Amino acid sequence: MATDKAERRKAYQQLERDRNQLYQYMGRIAAAQSNFYEVQADYYHQLATLSERQTTFEEKQISLEEKQTKLEERYIELQEKISQQQEHIKQQHAEIIEILNYLKKSSN
């Protein structure tokens, strides 16, 4: 009976050691899982932040493209006005030359 009792005590002590070891492993797994979820949450937060930045950059890019289009349209308008004014100046120049030639012939 004493041997039986000693064996049961050894078995119980082994069971306690195994149980303690199991609880330690479970604690480590829980801590690792917690760290994983923290890292995952941080990762998704970073993705959301990057997505917001990308949206902001895209909005700014669209705004800049619209402004560039307006500037190009205005540039074309100004180029057309300059061409018209140059044509008008050429016509006035031709008229002045005709008048000068007429005056020259009249004075002779």
N, C-alpha and C. Protein backbone atom coordinates (compact mmCIF):
# COMPACT_ATOMS: atom_id res chain seq x y z
N MET A 1 0.82 -1.18 0.00
CA MET A 1 0.00 0.00 0.00
C MET A 1 0.87 1.26 0.00
N ALA A 2 1.94 1.21 0.72
CA ALA A 2 2.83 2.36 0.78
C ALA A 2 3.43 2.63 -0.61
N THR A 3 3.77 1.55 -1.33
CA THR A 3 4.30 1.72 -2.68
C THR A 3 3.24 2.32 -3.60
N ASP A 4 2.04 1.81 -3.42
CA ASP A 4 0.92 2.33 -4.21
C ASP A 4 0.75 3.83 -3.95
N LYS A 5 0.81 4.19 -2.68
CA LYS A 5 0.65 5.59 -2.27
C LYS A 5 1.79 6.44 -2.85
N ALA A 6 3.00 5.93 -2.80
CA ALA A 6 4.16 6.66 -3.33
C ALA A 6 4.03 6.83 -4.84
N GLU A 7 3.56 5.79 -5.52
CA GLU A 7 3.37 5.89 -6.98
C GLU A 7 2.28 6.90 -7.31
N ARG A 8 1.20 6.85 -6.53
CA ARG A 8 0.13 7.84 -6.77
C ARG A 8 0.62 9.26 -6.53
N ARG A 9 1.45 9.44 -5.49
CA ARG A 9 2.01 10.76 -5.19
C ARG A 9 2.90 11.21 -6.34
N LYS A 10 3.74 10.32 -6.84
CA LYS A 10 4.60 10.64 -7.98
C LYS A 10 3.75 11.00 -9.21
N ALA A 11 2.72 10.20 -9.45
CA ALA A 11 1.84 10.45 -10.59
C ALA A 11 1.13 11.80 -10.42
N TYR A 12 0.71 12.08 -9.20
CA TYR A 12 0.03 13.35 -8.93
C TYR A 12 0.99 14.51 -9.11
N GLN A 13 2.22 14.38 -8.64
CA GLN A 13 3.23 15.42 -8.81
C GLN A 13 3.53 15.63 -10.30
N GLN A 14 3.64 14.53 -11.04
CA GLN A 14 3.87 14.63 -12.49
C GLN A 14 2.68 15.33 -13.15
N LEU A 15 1.49 14.98 -12.74
CA LEU A 15 0.28 15.61 -13.27
C LEU A 15 0.29 17.12 -12.97
N GLU A 16 0.69 17.49 -11.75
CA GLU A 16 0.77 18.90 -11.37
C GLU A 16 1.82 19.63 -12.23
N ARG A 17 2.98 19.00 -12.44
CA ARG A 17 4.02 19.61 -13.28
C ARG A 17 3.51 19.77 -14.72
N ASP A 18 2.86 18.73 -15.22
CA ASP A 18 2.32 18.79 -16.59
C ASP A 18 1.26 19.88 -16.70
N ARG A 19 0.40 19.95 -15.67
CA ARG A 19 -0.66 20.97 -15.67
C ARG A 19 -0.06 22.37 -15.62
N ASN A 20 0.93 22.57 -14.76
CA ASN A 20 1.60 23.88 -14.67
C ASN A 20 2.26 24.24 -16.00
N GLN A 21 2.92 23.25 -16.59
CA GLN A 21 3.55 23.48 -17.89
C GLN A 21 2.50 23.85 -18.94
N LEU A 22 1.38 23.14 -18.92
CA LEU A 22 0.30 23.41 -19.86
C LEU A 22 -0.22 24.83 -19.67
N TYR A 23 -0.41 25.24 -18.41
CA TYR A 23 -0.88 26.61 -18.14
C TYR A 23 0.14 27.65 -18.61
N GLN A 24 1.42 27.34 -18.44
CA GLN A 24 2.45 28.26 -18.93
C GLN A 24 2.38 28.39 -20.45
N TYR A 25 2.24 27.26 -21.13
CA TYR A 25 2.12 27.30 -22.60
C TYR A 25 0.87 28.07 -23.02
N MET A 26 -0.23 27.82 -22.32
CA MET A 26 -1.47 28.52 -22.66
C MET A 26 -1.32 30.03 -22.43
N GLY A 27 -0.61 30.39 -21.35
CA GLY A 27 -0.35 31.81 -21.08
C GLY A 27 0.50 32.43 -22.17
N ARG A 28 1.53 31.69 -22.61
CA ARG A 28 2.38 32.19 -23.70
C ARG A 28 1.59 32.34 -24.99
N ILE A 29 0.75 31.34 -25.26
CA ILE A 29 -0.08 31.40 -26.48
C ILE A 29 -1.02 32.59 -26.42
N ALA A 30 -1.65 32.81 -25.27
CA ALA A 30 -2.56 33.94 -25.11
C ALA A 30 -1.83 35.26 -25.30
N ALA A 31 -0.61 35.37 -24.73
CA ALA A 31 0.18 36.59 -24.88
C ALA A 31 0.58 36.80 -26.34
N ALA A 32 0.99 35.70 -26.98
CA ALA A 32 1.37 35.80 -28.40
C ALA A 32 0.17 36.19 -29.25
N GLN A 33 -0.97 35.63 -28.94
CA GLN A 33 -2.19 35.94 -29.68
C GLN A 33 -2.57 37.41 -29.48
N SER A 34 -2.44 37.87 -28.25
CA SER A 34 -2.72 39.27 -27.95
C SER A 34 -1.78 40.19 -28.73
N ASN A 35 -0.48 39.85 -28.74
CA ASN A 35 0.48 40.64 -29.51
C ASN A 35 0.14 40.62 -31.00
N PHE A 36 -0.26 39.46 -31.49
CA PHE A 36 -0.64 39.35 -32.90
C PHE A 36 -1.79 40.29 -33.21
N TYR A 37 -2.82 40.30 -32.35
CA TYR A 37 -3.98 41.16 -32.60
C TYR A 37 -3.62 42.63 -32.52
N GLU A 38 -2.69 42.97 -31.61
CA GLU A 38 -2.23 44.36 -31.54
C GLU A 38 -1.51 44.76 -32.81
N VAL A 39 -0.64 43.87 -33.28
CA VAL A 39 0.10 44.14 -34.52
C VAL A 39 -0.86 44.23 -35.69
N GLN A 40 -1.82 43.34 -35.74
CA GLN A 40 -2.80 43.34 -36.82
C GLN A 40 -3.62 44.63 -36.79
N ALA A 41 -4.05 45.05 -35.60
CA ALA A 41 -4.82 46.30 -35.48
C ALA A 41 -3.99 47.48 -35.93
N ASP A 42 -2.71 47.50 -35.55
CA ASP A 42 -1.82 48.58 -35.97
C ASP A 42 -1.64 48.57 -37.49
N TYR A 43 -1.51 47.37 -38.06
CA TYR A 43 -1.37 47.23 -39.51
C TYR A 43 -2.59 47.81 -40.24
N TYR A 44 -3.79 47.44 -39.77
CA TYR A 44 -5.00 47.95 -40.41
C TYR A 44 -5.15 49.46 -40.21
N HIS A 45 -4.70 49.95 -39.06
CA HIS A 45 -4.73 51.40 -38.83
C HIS A 45 -3.80 52.10 -39.83
N GLN A 46 -2.60 51.53 -40.02
CA GLN A 46 -1.66 52.12 -40.98
C GLN A 46 -2.23 52.08 -42.40
N LEU A 47 -2.88 50.99 -42.75
CA LEU A 47 -3.51 50.91 -44.07
C LEU A 47 -4.58 51.98 -44.25
N ALA A 48 -5.39 52.18 -43.22
CA ALA A 48 -6.43 53.20 -43.28
C ALA A 48 -5.82 54.59 -43.42
N THR A 49 -4.75 54.84 -42.68
CA THR A 49 -4.07 56.13 -42.76
C THR A 49 -3.49 56.35 -44.17
N LEU A 50 -2.86 55.32 -44.70
CA LEU A 50 -2.30 55.43 -46.05
C LEU A 50 -3.40 55.64 -47.09
N SER A 51 -4.51 54.97 -46.90
CA SER A 51 -5.63 55.13 -47.82
C SER A 51 -6.17 56.56 -47.79
N GLU A 52 -6.26 57.13 -46.59
CA GLU A 52 -6.71 58.52 -46.46
C GLU A 52 -5.73 59.47 -47.14
N ARG A 53 -4.43 59.22 -46.94
CA ARG A 53 -3.42 60.06 -47.59
C ARG A 53 -3.51 59.95 -49.11
N GLN A 54 -3.70 58.73 -49.59
CA GLN A 54 -3.80 58.54 -51.04
C GLN A 54 -5.01 59.28 -51.58
N THR A 55 -6.12 59.21 -50.87
CA THR A 55 -7.32 59.93 -51.30
C THR A 55 -7.06 61.43 -51.35
N THR A 56 -6.38 61.95 -50.32
CA THR A 56 -6.05 63.38 -50.28
C THR A 56 -5.16 63.75 -51.46
N PHE A 57 -4.13 62.93 -51.71
CA PHE A 57 -3.23 63.21 -52.84
C PHE A 57 -3.99 63.16 -54.17
N GLU A 58 -4.89 62.20 -54.32
CA GLU A 58 -5.65 62.10 -55.56
C GLU A 58 -6.55 63.31 -55.75
N GLU A 59 -7.16 63.79 -54.65
CA GLU A 59 -8.01 64.98 -54.74
C GLU A 59 -7.18 66.20 -55.14
N LYS A 60 -5.98 66.33 -54.54
CA LYS A 60 -5.10 67.44 -54.90
C LYS A 60 -4.66 67.34 -56.35
N GLN A 61 -4.38 66.11 -56.80
CA GLN A 61 -3.95 65.92 -58.18
C GLN A 61 -5.06 66.31 -59.14
N ILE A 62 -6.29 65.93 -58.82
CA ILE A 62 -7.42 66.29 -59.68
C ILE A 62 -7.58 67.81 -59.71
N SER A 63 -7.46 68.44 -58.54
CA SER A 63 -7.55 69.89 -58.47
C SER A 63 -6.47 70.56 -59.31
N LEU A 64 -5.25 70.06 -59.21
CA LEU A 64 -4.14 70.61 -60.00
C LEU A 64 -4.37 70.41 -61.50
N GLU A 65 -4.90 69.25 -61.87
CA GLU A 65 -5.18 69.00 -63.29
C GLU A 65 -6.25 69.96 -63.81
N GLU A 66 -7.26 70.22 -62.99
CA GLU A 66 -8.31 71.16 -63.39
C GLU A 66 -7.73 72.56 -63.56
N LYS A 67 -6.87 72.97 -62.61
CA LYS A 67 -6.24 74.29 -62.71
C LYS A 67 -5.35 74.36 -63.95
N GLN A 68 -4.61 73.28 -64.22
CA GLN A 68 -3.74 73.26 -65.38
C GLN A 68 -4.57 73.38 -66.67
N THR A 69 -5.69 72.68 -66.72
CA THR A 69 -6.56 72.76 -67.89
C THR A 69 -7.06 74.19 -68.09
N LYS A 70 -7.47 74.85 -67.00
CA LYS A 70 -7.94 76.24 -67.10
C LYS A 70 -6.82 77.16 -67.57
N LEU A 71 -5.61 76.93 -67.03
CA LEU A 71 -4.47 77.76 -67.45
C LEU A 71 -4.15 77.56 -68.92
N GLU A 72 -4.22 76.31 -69.38
CA GLU A 72 -3.95 76.03 -70.79
C GLU A 72 -5.00 76.69 -71.68
N GLU A 73 -6.27 76.65 -71.25
CA GLU A 73 -7.33 77.30 -72.01
C GLU A 73 -7.11 78.81 -72.07
N ARG A 74 -6.74 79.39 -70.93
CA ARG A 74 -6.47 80.83 -70.87
C ARG A 74 -5.27 81.18 -71.74
N TYR A 75 -4.25 80.33 -71.74
CA TYR A 75 -3.06 80.55 -72.57
C TYR A 75 -3.45 80.57 -74.04
N ILE A 76 -4.28 79.63 -74.44
CA ILE A 76 -4.74 79.57 -75.84
C ILE A 76 -5.51 80.83 -76.20
N GLU A 77 -6.39 81.27 -75.29
CA GLU A 77 -7.16 82.50 -75.53
C GLU A 77 -6.22 83.70 -75.71
N LEU A 78 -5.22 83.80 -74.84
CA LEU A 78 -4.28 84.92 -74.93
C LEU A 78 -3.46 84.84 -76.21
N GLN A 79 -3.06 83.65 -76.61
CA GLN A 79 -2.32 83.49 -77.86
C GLN A 79 -3.18 83.95 -79.05
N GLU A 80 -4.45 83.60 -79.03
CA GLU A 80 -5.36 84.03 -80.10
C GLU A 80 -5.51 85.54 -80.11
N LYS A 81 -5.63 86.16 -78.93
CA LYS A 81 -5.74 87.62 -78.85
C LYS A 81 -4.47 88.28 -79.39
N ILE A 82 -3.33 87.73 -79.01
CA ILE A 82 -2.05 88.28 -79.50
C ILE A 82 -1.98 88.17 -81.02
N SER A 83 -2.40 87.05 -81.57
CA SER A 83 -2.40 86.88 -83.03
C SER A 83 -3.32 87.90 -83.69
N GLN A 84 -4.49 88.09 -83.11
CA GLN A 84 -5.44 89.07 -83.66
C GLN A 84 -4.86 90.48 -83.60
N GLN A 85 -4.23 90.81 -82.46
CA GLN A 85 -3.63 92.15 -82.33
C GLN A 85 -2.48 92.32 -83.31
N GLN A 86 -1.70 91.29 -83.52
CA GLN A 86 -0.60 91.37 -84.49
C GLN A 86 -1.14 91.58 -85.90
N GLU A 87 -2.22 90.88 -86.23
CA GLU A 87 -2.86 91.06 -87.54
C GLU A 87 -3.36 92.50 -87.69
N HIS A 88 -3.97 92.99 -86.64
CA HIS A 88 -4.50 94.36 -86.67
C HIS A 88 -3.36 95.37 -86.84
N ILE A 89 -2.27 95.16 -86.13
CA ILE A 89 -1.10 96.05 -86.25
C ILE A 89 -0.54 95.99 -87.67
N LYS A 90 -0.48 94.81 -88.28
CA LYS A 90 0.00 94.67 -89.65
C LYS A 90 -0.88 95.45 -90.61
N GLN A 91 -2.18 95.36 -90.40
CA GLN A 91 -3.11 96.10 -91.26
C GLN A 91 -2.91 97.61 -91.10
N GLN A 92 -2.78 98.08 -89.85
CA GLN A 92 -2.56 99.50 -89.60
C GLN A 92 -1.24 99.95 -90.22
N HIS A 93 -0.22 99.11 -90.10
CA HIS A 93 1.08 99.42 -90.68
C HIS A 93 0.97 99.55 -92.21
N ALA A 94 0.23 98.62 -92.81
CA ALA A 94 0.04 98.69 -94.27
C ALA A 94 -0.71 99.96 -94.65
N GLU A 95 -1.71 100.33 -93.87
CA GLU A 95 -2.47 101.56 -94.16
C GLU A 95 -1.60 102.79 -94.02
N ILE A 96 -0.75 102.83 -93.01
CA ILE A 96 0.15 103.97 -92.80
C ILE A 96 1.12 104.08 -93.96
N ILE A 97 1.63 102.96 -94.44
CA ILE A 97 2.57 102.98 -95.58
C ILE A 97 1.85 103.49 -96.82
N GLU A 98 0.60 103.05 -97.01
CA GLU A 98 -0.17 103.55 -98.17
C GLU A 98 -0.36 105.06 -98.07
N ILE A 99 -0.69 105.56 -96.89
CA ILE A 99 -0.90 107.00 -96.71
C ILE A 99 0.40 107.75 -96.96
N LEU A 100 1.51 107.23 -96.44
CA LEU A 100 2.80 107.89 -96.66
C LEU A 100 3.17 107.91 -98.14
N ASN A 101 2.93 106.80 -98.83
CA ASN A 101 3.21 106.75 -100.26
C ASN A 101 2.32 107.74 -101.01
N TYR A 102 1.07 107.84 -100.61
CA TYR A 102 0.15 108.78 -101.26
C TYR A 102 0.61 110.22 -101.04
N LEU A 103 1.00 110.51 -99.78
CA LEU A 103 1.48 111.85 -99.47
C LEU A 103 2.76 112.18 -100.24
N LYS A 104 3.61 111.19 -100.41
CA LYS A 104 4.86 111.38 -101.13
C LYS A 104 4.59 111.70 -102.59
N LYS A 105 3.63 110.97 -103.18
CA LYS A 105 3.30 111.21 -104.58
C LYS A 105 2.61 112.56 -104.75
N SER A 106 1.81 112.94 -103.77
CA SER A 106 1.09 114.21 -103.86
C SER A 106 2.04 115.40 -103.74
N SER A 107 3.06 115.25 -102.93
CA SER A 107 3.97 116.35 -102.74
C SER A 107 4.92 116.54 -103.91
N ASN A 108 5.05 115.56 -104.78
CA ASN A 108 5.94 115.67 -105.94
C ASN A 108 5.25 116.37 -107.01
